[in-house]
Amino acid sequence: MSKLPVRHLPEKQVLSPLTAAVLALIQGVLPAMTAIVGGLWVAFTYLQQQNDARIAQGEQTRKENIARLLQARKPFIDKQLELYVKTAQVAGILVSANTDVKREDWLKKFREFEQLYWTELSMVEDDNVKHAMQDLYGRLKWARNQPEVVPDDKWDEIQQSSYRLAKALRSSIEATWNLNVQ
C-alpha cells in the first residue's frame, strides 16, 4: 500500500435537494401506504364476499319460498286439475253427441255439467274459465230446450264454445303452475 496522501474530491450531488427530499418522504411514507392499500384491498374483498353470500342466501330463500308455496297450494292445484279434467270430459261428451246419444243420456250428462257449473268448479275456476263455462252453459241450455235435433250450424257454435272452454281450462292450468314468485 502506498503511503501517498489521498486527496478527497468534493462529492458531486447527483440529485437536487428537492428531489432528494421527495425521495426521502416517499421512502418514509411507502411502508405506511402499502399497509393502508393492503388493508383497503382486504376490506373490499371481505365486503364483496359478504355481498355475494347475501345474494346467494336471498336466492336460496326465494327457492325455498317457491317450494313452500307449491306445497301449500298442492291440494288446490290437485282439486283444480281434477275438476278441469272432469269438466272437459263432460263437455266433450255433450258436444260430440248431437244425434248419436239418446236424449236421456245427454240430459244426464247435461245435469252433471250443471252440477260442475253451479258448485264445484266455481271454487277453483278463474275468470276466463268462468266466462267460457257461462257461454257453453247458455248454448247447451238452449240445446236442451230444443224438442228435436239441433241444427248443424247451431251445433257448430256449441262445439266452438266447448273448444274455447278447453283452451280456457288449459290456460288456467298454465297460469296456476306459473307462480312468478318474487
Foldseek 3Di string as FASTA:
>chain_A
DDPDDDDDDDDDDPDDPVVVVVVVVCVVCVVVVVVVVVVVVVVVVVVVVVVVVVVVVVVVVLVVVVVVVCVVCVVLLVLLVVLLVVLLVLLVVLLVPQPPDDLVVNVVSLVVNVCSLPPSVVVRADPQLNVLSVLLNVLVVVCNPDPHGDDPVSSVVNVVSSVSNNVSSVVSSVVVVPPPRD
